[in-house]
Protein backbone atom coordinates (compact mmCIF):
# COMPACT_ATOMS: atom_id res chain seq x y z
CA MET A 1 147.06 69.89 23.00
CA PRO A 2 148.39 66.40 22.16
CA SER A 3 150.76 64.79 24.62
CA SER A 4 154.43 64.52 23.77
CA TYR A 5 154.36 61.02 25.24
CA GLU A 6 151.33 59.46 23.57
CA HIS A 7 153.63 57.31 21.40
CA LEU A 8 154.81 55.52 24.57
CA ILE A 9 151.31 54.33 25.55
CA VAL A 10 149.81 51.05 24.32
CA ARG A 11 146.06 51.62 24.18
CA GLU A 12 145.21 48.61 22.03
CA MET A 13 146.98 45.39 22.92
CA ARG A 14 147.67 43.56 19.67
CA ASN A 15 147.74 39.81 19.17
CA CYS A 16 151.36 38.72 19.51
CA ILE A 17 151.09 34.94 19.45
CA GLY A 18 153.13 35.00 16.23
CA ASP A 19 156.09 36.38 18.18
CA PHE A 20 156.60 33.04 19.96
CA ALA A 21 158.20 30.21 17.98
CA ASN A 22 158.40 27.80 20.95
CA GLU A 23 154.67 27.22 21.46
CA GLY A 24 152.06 24.94 19.96
CA ASP A 25 152.02 24.41 16.20
CA GLU A 26 155.13 26.57 15.70
CA ALA A 27 157.10 24.12 17.84
CA GLY A 28 155.50 20.96 16.47
CA LEU A 29 153.12 20.57 19.41
CA PRO A 30 149.34 20.60 19.35
CA THR A 31 148.15 24.04 20.42
CA PRO A 32 146.33 23.66 23.75
CA ASP A 33 142.61 24.32 23.41
CA ASN A 34 142.49 26.31 26.65
CA LEU A 35 144.48 29.37 25.57
CA GLY A 36 143.02 32.85 25.27
CA GLU A 37 144.37 35.43 22.87
CA GLY A 38 148.09 36.19 23.33
CA LEU A 39 148.36 39.96 23.68
CA ALA A 40 151.33 42.32 23.68
CA LEU A 41 151.54 44.62 26.69
CA MET A 42 154.81 46.20 25.51
CA ARG A 43 157.21 45.47 22.64
CA SER A 44 159.32 47.37 20.14
CA ALA A 45 156.88 46.52 17.32
CA ASP A 46 154.34 48.82 19.01
CA VAL A 47 156.60 51.24 20.90
CA PRO A 48 159.92 51.47 19.02
CA GLU A 49 161.72 52.88 22.09
CA SER A 50 160.83 49.82 24.17
CA ARG A 51 163.73 47.68 25.34
CA ILE A 52 161.42 44.92 26.65
CA HIS A 53 158.87 42.49 25.23
CA MET A 54 155.97 41.72 27.56
CA SER A 55 152.90 39.67 26.77
CA HIS A 56 150.00 38.09 28.58
CA ILE A 57 147.45 35.39 27.89
CA TRP A 58 144.51 33.97 29.81
CA ILE A 59 144.79 30.23 30.42
CA LYS A 60 141.37 28.61 30.65
CA GLU A 61 140.10 25.44 32.34
CA ARG A 62 141.50 22.05 31.35
CA ASP A 63 141.37 18.73 33.20
CA THR A 64 143.95 16.72 31.23
CA PRO A 65 147.71 17.38 30.99
CA ILE A 66 149.18 19.05 27.90
CA GLN A 67 152.57 20.53 27.01
CA TRP A 68 152.46 24.10 25.71
CA VAL A 69 156.08 25.25 25.20
CA VAL A 70 159.20 23.29 24.15
CA GLU A 71 162.67 23.52 25.73
CA HIS A 72 164.72 26.54 24.64
CA GLU A 73 166.99 29.35 25.84
CA HIS A 74 167.54 33.06 25.24
CA THR A 75 170.53 35.40 25.05
CA TYR A 76 168.69 37.76 27.43
CA ASP A 77 167.01 37.44 30.83
CA GLU A 78 163.32 36.55 31.05
CA VAL A 79 160.66 36.51 33.77
CA LEU A 80 157.59 34.28 33.53
CA ILE A 81 154.61 35.22 35.72
CA TRP A 82 151.45 33.25 36.54
CA THR A 83 148.68 34.90 38.52
CA GLY A 84 145.44 33.40 39.83
CA ASN A 85 142.15 35.27 39.66
CA ASN A 86 140.91 34.92 43.26
CA PRO A 87 141.01 38.42 44.85
CA ASP A 88 140.32 36.88 48.28
CA ASP A 89 143.38 34.63 48.01
CA PRO A 90 145.96 36.04 45.55
CA HIS A 91 148.26 33.04 46.19
CA ASP A 92 145.65 30.59 44.87
CA LEU A 93 146.56 29.86 41.25
CA GLY A 94 143.66 27.47 40.65
CA ALA A 95 145.88 25.32 38.44
CA GLU A 96 148.93 23.08 38.36
CA LEU A 97 151.73 23.79 35.89
CA PHE A 98 154.88 21.86 35.11
CA PHE A 99 158.03 23.74 34.20
CA ASP A 100 161.61 22.49 33.71
CA ILE A 101 164.81 24.41 34.39
CA GLU A 102 167.93 22.72 32.98
CA GLY A 103 166.00 19.42 32.94
CA GLU A 104 164.76 19.67 36.55
CA ARG A 105 160.96 19.47 36.80
CA HIS A 106 159.12 22.01 38.96
CA ILE A 107 155.43 21.76 39.84
CA ILE A 108 153.72 25.12 40.28
CA ASN A 109 150.33 25.50 42.00
CA THR A 110 150.50 29.01 43.49
CA SER A 111 150.64 32.46 41.91
CA GLY A 112 154.25 33.46 41.35
CA SER A 113 157.05 33.94 38.89
CA VAL A 114 160.44 32.63 37.79
CA TYR A 115 163.54 34.56 36.80
CA ILE A 116 165.40 32.91 33.92
CA PRO A 117 168.94 34.26 33.38
CA ALA A 118 170.28 34.49 29.82
CA GLY A 119 171.58 31.14 28.58
CA LEU A 120 169.58 29.00 31.03
CA ARG A 121 167.69 26.18 29.27
CA HIS A 122 164.08 26.09 30.33
CA CYS A 123 160.82 24.34 29.53
CA PRO A 124 158.96 22.24 28.61
CA LEU A 125 156.09 24.16 30.14
CA GLY A 126 152.57 22.83 30.33
CA PHE A 127 149.48 22.29 32.42
CA ASN A 128 148.60 19.24 34.51
CA ARG A 129 145.20 20.79 35.14
CA VAL A 130 143.52 24.20 35.19
CA ASP A 131 140.56 24.50 37.55
CA ARG A 132 139.97 28.24 36.97
CA PRO A 133 141.32 30.69 34.42
CA PHE A 134 144.58 32.41 35.33
CA ARG A 135 146.82 34.97 33.67
CA PHE A 136 150.24 34.04 32.29
CA SER A 137 152.74 36.78 31.38
CA ALA A 138 156.19 36.68 29.83
CA LEU A 139 158.62 39.56 30.27
CA SER A 140 161.67 39.40 27.99
CA LEU A 141 164.45 41.87 28.74
CA ASN A 142 164.87 42.37 25.01
CA PRO A 143 162.84 44.47 22.55
CA THR A 144 161.75 41.34 20.63
CA TYR A 145 161.22 37.70 21.56
CA VAL A 146 164.02 35.47 20.21
CA SER A 147 165.21 32.01 21.22
CA ASP A 148 167.84 29.54 20.11
CA GLU A 149 167.01 26.59 17.83
CA HIS A 150 163.33 27.51 17.63
CA ALA A 151 163.87 31.02 16.26
CA ARG A 152 161.65 32.14 13.42
CA PRO A 153 163.28 32.79 10.07
CA ALA A 154 163.62 36.48 9.23
């Protein structure tokens, strides 16, 4: 008998890089050559009942700095998550990121996350170096990803 809840399960993560208008070519930046495939973990395009948009991407090695995402803001809350791949030391990111909040630069070199309240300007985001691949996830408390001046046309 089929499950009544099968429609709530994502069994095939789809490429969702097109959802993000603030990254790489879409934002007028060169797309970093160390990005894996951007995949949707949960979004309304795949599960219409979903009230969140969550994606993840593997960030691969790179030894020179590059900006990935331009400054922007959202009308909803967002959480960005970066997780290293060392099971013996889960705090070890194996990379160094730069990330601005309201123009203040933050250097990140441990696994962690940042909560971004609605209306808070954030980014640029980029990599100073990546020694080992790590996973980057974005959780938008909105069914679709939307931002201010970098929004995609309908």
